[in-house]
N, C-alpha and C. Protein backbone atom coordinates (compact mmCIF):
# COMPACT_ATOMS: atom_id res chain seq x y z
N UNK A 1 89.73 131.01 90.24
CA UNK A 1 89.78 129.98 89.37
C UNK A 1 90.83 128.58 90.08
N UNK A 2 89.81 127.58 89.71
CA UNK A 2 90.84 126.14 90.02
C UNK A 2 91.77 126.08 88.97
N UNK A 3 93.05 125.46 89.73
CA UNK A 3 93.82 125.53 89.34
C UNK A 3 94.09 124.10 88.49
N UNK A 4 94.65 124.02 87.31
CA UNK A 4 94.64 122.70 85.97
C UNK A 4 96.10 122.11 86.82
N UNK A 5 96.02 120.87 87.15
CA UNK A 5 97.71 120.05 87.35
C UNK A 5 97.32 118.68 86.38
N UNK A 6 98.42 118.61 86.18
CA UNK A 6 98.83 117.17 85.91
C UNK A 6 98.64 115.90 86.97
N UNK A 7 98.38 114.90 86.98
CA UNK A 7 98.43 113.87 87.70
C UNK A 7 99.95 113.51 88.48
N UNK A 8 100.06 113.70 89.52
CA UNK A 8 101.16 113.57 90.26
C UNK A 8 101.68 111.91 90.16
N UNK A 9 101.17 111.16 90.06
CA UNK A 9 101.03 109.69 90.24
C UNK A 9 100.70 109.43 88.96
N UNK A 10 101.74 108.13 88.43
CA UNK A 10 101.45 107.35 87.50
C UNK A 10 100.02 106.33 87.53
N UNK A 11 99.86 105.57 88.87
CA UNK A 11 99.16 104.88 89.61
C UNK A 11 99.19 104.94 90.51
N UNK A 12 97.65 104.79 90.94
CA UNK A 12 97.26 104.42 92.17
C UNK A 12 96.43 103.48 92.56
N UNK A 13 96.70 103.51 93.95
CA UNK A 13 95.82 101.62 94.23
C UNK A 13 95.13 102.09 95.55
N UNK A 14 93.58 101.93 95.03
CA UNK A 14 92.60 102.04 96.39
C UNK A 14 92.33 101.01 97.06
N UNK A 15 92.54 101.26 98.22
CA UNK A 15 92.36 99.37 98.93
C UNK A 15 90.69 99.89 99.87
N UNK A 16 90.30 99.35 99.92
CA UNK A 16 89.06 99.48 100.45
C UNK A 16 89.12 99.13 102.27
N UNK A 17 88.65 100.16 102.90
CA UNK A 17 89.25 100.05 104.18
C UNK A 17 87.72 100.12 104.76
N UNK A 18 86.69 99.93 104.28
CA UNK A 18 84.94 99.92 104.66
C UNK A 18 85.13 99.07 105.92
N UNK A 19 84.26 99.58 107.14
CA UNK A 19 83.93 98.48 108.18
C UNK A 19 82.36 98.64 108.51
N UNK A 20 81.89 97.42 108.78
CA UNK A 20 80.25 97.63 108.82
C UNK A 20 80.12 96.49 109.79
N UNK A 21 79.01 97.47 110.90
CA UNK A 21 78.64 97.09 111.95
C UNK A 21 77.81 95.89 112.10
N UNK A 22 77.69 95.00 112.81
CA UNK A 22 76.16 94.08 112.98
C UNK A 22 76.37 92.96 112.15
N UNK A 23 78.22 92.27 111.87
CA UNK A 23 78.25 90.91 112.14
C UNK A 23 78.01 91.44 110.01
N UNK A 24 77.65 92.45 109.59
CA UNK A 24 77.84 92.47 107.90
C UNK A 24 79.52 92.24 107.46
N UNK A 25 79.62 91.75 106.46
CA UNK A 25 80.97 91.79 105.92
C UNK A 25 81.57 92.68 104.92
N UNK A 26 82.93 93.22 105.37
CA UNK A 26 83.54 94.06 104.79
C UNK A 26 84.63 94.01 105.37
N UNK A 27 85.60 94.65 104.16
CA UNK A 27 86.90 94.59 103.99
C UNK A 27 87.73 94.67 105.53
N UNK A 28 87.55 95.88 106.00
CA UNK A 28 88.47 96.22 106.88
C UNK A 28 87.90 95.51 108.28
N UNK A 29 86.57 95.22 108.37
CA UNK A 29 86.31 94.03 109.85
C UNK A 29 87.55 93.05 110.27
N UNK A 30 86.93 93.40 111.67
CA UNK A 30 88.44 92.63 112.41
C UNK A 30 88.69 91.02 111.89
N UNK A 31 89.80 90.71 111.24
CA UNK A 31 90.39 89.61 110.51
C UNK A 31 90.39 89.65 109.46
N UNK A 32 89.76 90.49 108.73
CA UNK A 32 89.67 90.72 107.19
C UNK A 32 90.54 91.53 106.30
N UNK A 33 91.54 92.43 107.05
CA UNK A 33 92.64 92.61 106.70
C UNK A 33 92.79 94.08 105.76
N UNK A 34 91.59 94.69 105.36
CA UNK A 34 91.70 96.00 104.44
C UNK A 34 92.37 97.06 104.74
N UNK A 35 92.45 97.36 106.20
CA UNK A 35 93.55 98.52 107.10
C UNK A 35 94.84 98.26 106.75
N UNK A 36 95.15 96.81 107.22
CA UNK A 36 96.39 96.64 107.37
C UNK A 36 97.12 96.38 106.04
N UNK A 37 96.56 95.98 104.60
CA UNK A 37 96.97 95.82 103.58
C UNK A 37 97.38 97.22 103.23
N UNK A 38 96.54 98.06 103.67
CA UNK A 38 96.93 100.02 102.99
C UNK A 38 97.83 100.11 103.42
N UNK A 39 98.20 99.84 105.08
CA UNK A 39 99.28 100.23 105.45
C UNK A 39 100.49 99.61 104.70
N UNK A 40 100.32 98.26 104.63
CA UNK A 40 101.75 97.63 104.44
C UNK A 40 102.35 98.06 102.83
N UNK A 41 101.10 98.32 102.24
CA UNK A 41 101.43 99.17 100.96
C UNK A 41 102.15 100.58 100.61
N UNK A 42 101.81 100.95 101.28
CA UNK A 42 102.24 102.37 101.66
C UNK A 42 103.60 102.17 101.72
N UNK A 43 103.85 101.57 103.03
CA UNK A 43 105.06 101.00 103.87
C UNK A 43 106.40 100.50 102.43
N UNK A 44 105.83 99.44 102.26
CA UNK A 44 106.13 98.67 100.66
C UNK A 44 106.60 99.97 99.01
N UNK A 45 105.65 100.76 99.21
CA UNK A 45 105.79 101.40 97.96
C UNK A 45 106.60 102.79 98.60
N UNK A 46 106.98 103.33 99.80
CA UNK A 46 107.87 104.36 100.40
C UNK A 46 109.54 103.23 100.74
N UNK A 47 109.68 101.80 101.02
CA UNK A 47 110.34 101.25 101.05
C UNK A 47 111.09 101.02 99.84
N UNK A 48 110.59 100.87 98.89
CA UNK A 48 111.01 100.15 97.49
C UNK A 48 111.62 101.60 96.60
N UNK A 49 111.14 102.87 97.32
CA UNK A 49 111.34 104.43 96.56
C UNK A 49 110.45 104.62 95.45
N UNK A 50 109.52 104.01 95.84
CA UNK A 50 108.30 104.22 94.39
C UNK A 50 107.54 105.22 94.88
N UNK A 51 107.72 106.39 95.69
CA UNK A 51 106.66 107.29 96.04
C UNK A 51 107.15 108.21 94.79
N UNK A 52 105.89 108.88 94.13
CA UNK A 52 106.08 109.77 92.82
C UNK A 52 105.87 108.55 91.81
N UNK A 53 105.59 107.80 91.79
CA UNK A 53 105.21 106.79 90.92
C UNK A 53 103.79 106.10 91.29
N UNK A 54 103.92 105.73 92.22
CA UNK A 54 102.46 105.02 92.48
C UNK A 54 102.12 105.27 93.96
N UNK A 55 100.50 105.37 94.39
CA UNK A 55 100.63 106.04 95.53
C UNK A 55 99.23 104.83 96.09
N UNK A 56 99.42 104.62 97.27
CA UNK A 56 98.54 103.68 97.71
C UNK A 56 97.46 104.68 98.73
N UNK A 57 95.84 104.71 98.52
CA UNK A 57 95.29 105.09 99.66
C UNK A 57 94.01 104.62 99.79
N UNK A 58 93.27 104.43 101.15
CA UNK A 58 92.12 103.85 101.37
C UNK A 58 91.24 104.58 100.84
N UNK A 59 90.08 103.18 100.33
CA UNK A 59 88.48 103.91 100.33
C UNK A 59 87.83 103.53 100.54
N UNK A 60 86.18 103.91 100.55
CA UNK A 60 85.19 103.56 101.07
C UNK A 60 85.06 102.21 100.61
N UNK A 61 83.87 101.77 100.60
CA UNK A 61 83.17 99.98 100.01
C UNK A 61 83.56 100.47 98.84
N UNK A 62 84.05 99.11 97.80
CA UNK A 62 84.11 98.74 96.50
C UNK A 62 83.12 97.91 95.78
N UNK A 63 81.85 97.72 96.78
CA UNK A 63 80.91 96.66 96.55
C UNK A 63 81.00 95.36 96.52
N UNK A 64 81.90 94.45 96.87
CA UNK A 64 82.16 93.25 96.72
C UNK A 64 82.80 92.55 97.95
N UNK A 65 82.34 93.09 98.82
CA UNK A 65 82.65 92.95 100.48
C UNK A 65 82.95 91.33 100.36
N UNK A 66 82.02 90.60 100.12
CA UNK A 66 82.32 88.86 100.10
C UNK A 66 83.75 88.54 99.53
N UNK A 67 84.01 89.12 98.61
CA UNK A 67 85.14 88.71 97.99
C UNK A 67 86.47 89.53 98.08
N UNK A 68 86.05 90.46 99.55
CA UNK A 68 87.36 91.20 99.86
C UNK A 68 87.88 90.59 100.76
N UNK A 69 89.73 91.09 101.17
CA UNK A 69 89.87 92.83 100.94
C UNK A 69 89.99 92.90 99.72
N UNK A 70 89.14 94.25 98.75
CA UNK A 70 89.73 94.41 97.56
C UNK A 70 90.61 95.63 97.20
N UNK A 71 91.20 95.23 96.29
CA UNK A 71 91.65 96.63 95.45
C UNK A 71 91.70 96.82 93.93
N UNK A 72 91.69 98.26 93.87
CA UNK A 72 91.49 98.84 92.47
C UNK A 72 92.73 99.52 92.02
N UNK A 73 93.16 99.22 91.19
CA UNK A 73 94.52 99.92 90.30
C UNK A 73 94.22 100.89 89.26
N UNK A 74 93.93 102.36 89.74
CA UNK A 74 93.59 103.68 88.60
C UNK A 74 95.25 104.14 88.01
N UNK A 75 94.79 103.85 87.03
CA UNK A 75 93.77 104.18 85.53
C UNK A 75 94.06 102.84 84.81
N UNK A 76 94.56 102.03 85.33
CA UNK A 76 94.56 100.83 84.63
C UNK A 76 93.25 100.04 84.77
N UNK A 77 92.52 100.19 85.94
CA UNK A 77 91.14 99.65 86.00
C UNK A 77 91.55 97.57 86.45
N UNK A 78 92.73 97.89 86.79
CA UNK A 78 92.76 96.75 87.26
C UNK A 78 92.05 96.07 88.59
N UNK A 79 91.55 94.99 89.21
CA UNK A 79 90.89 94.92 90.24
C UNK A 79 90.99 93.35 90.63
N UNK A 80 91.51 93.32 92.12
CA UNK A 80 91.97 92.27 93.09
C UNK A 80 91.48 92.06 93.95
N UNK A 81 90.73 90.87 94.21
CA UNK A 81 89.73 90.41 95.07
C UNK A 81 90.49 89.41 96.54
N UNK A 82 90.16 89.30 97.40
CA UNK A 82 90.67 88.48 98.15
C UNK A 82 92.38 88.60 98.71
N UNK A 83 92.50 90.24 98.56
CA UNK A 83 93.81 90.46 98.52
C UNK A 83 94.24 90.02 99.98
N UNK A 84 95.96 89.40 99.50
CA UNK A 84 96.42 89.48 101.30
C UNK A 84 97.68 90.22 101.47
N UNK A 85 98.32 90.18 102.63
CA UNK A 85 99.54 91.41 103.05
C UNK A 85 100.55 90.30 101.99
N UNK A 86 100.37 88.97 101.79
CA UNK A 86 101.61 88.29 101.05
C UNK A 86 101.63 89.17 99.72
N UNK A 87 100.62 89.20 99.19
CA UNK A 87 100.34 89.69 97.79
C UNK A 87 100.84 91.21 97.54
N UNK A 88 101.37 91.55 98.22
CA UNK A 88 101.74 93.16 97.84
C UNK A 88 102.91 93.04 96.82
N UNK A 89 104.09 92.30 97.05
CA UNK A 89 104.76 92.55 96.13
C UNK A 89 104.57 91.82 94.61
N UNK A 90 103.86 91.02 94.71
CA UNK A 90 103.55 90.61 93.16
C UNK A 90 102.16 91.47 92.56
N UNK A 91 101.79 92.22 93.31
CA UNK A 91 100.28 93.11 93.22
C UNK A 91 101.20 94.45 92.39
N UNK A 92 102.24 94.66 92.95
CA UNK A 92 103.29 95.76 92.70
C UNK A 92 103.71 95.84 91.44
N UNK A 93 104.49 94.19 91.30
CA UNK A 93 104.84 93.72 90.02
C UNK A 93 104.16 93.13 89.08
N UNK A 94 102.96 92.85 88.93
CA UNK A 94 101.68 93.16 88.18
C UNK A 94 101.48 93.94 87.27
N UNK A 95 101.35 95.36 88.42
CA UNK A 95 100.89 96.18 87.51
C UNK A 95 101.78 97.55 87.02
N UNK A 96 103.28 96.54 86.98
CA UNK A 96 104.29 97.30 86.31
C UNK A 96 105.34 98.54 87.21
N UNK A 97 104.96 98.48 88.61
CA UNK A 97 105.69 99.66 89.44
C UNK A 97 107.02 99.14 89.83
N UNK A 98 107.19 97.82 90.28
CA UNK A 98 108.37 97.60 91.06
C UNK A 98 110.14 97.38 90.16
N UNK A 99 110.57 98.09 91.08
CA UNK A 99 111.81 98.48 89.95
C UNK A 99 112.73 97.22 89.96
N UNK A 100 112.28 96.01 90.53
CA UNK A 100 113.14 94.66 91.18
C UNK A 100 113.21 94.06 89.67
């Protein structure tokens, strides 16, 4: 039988880390930054003591490649496009998870 559990995190940030070949635009293609943003988000969450409250995970394509890197926040349903590493602190603050 499948074990029923409560959600262990209040919010989850999905970061597109999709890569495409042949010159097609994607969030994590070289120079786009999807992978780096995901790793920086994870580090920021850990440094700020937010583990258990929020989680950053890589995701596949979110279908807005040209506007990326793209980030989706669950369960609030907030979507961010054109995210840069410099936006991480503001993003965490906007979704109500920063303790500062």
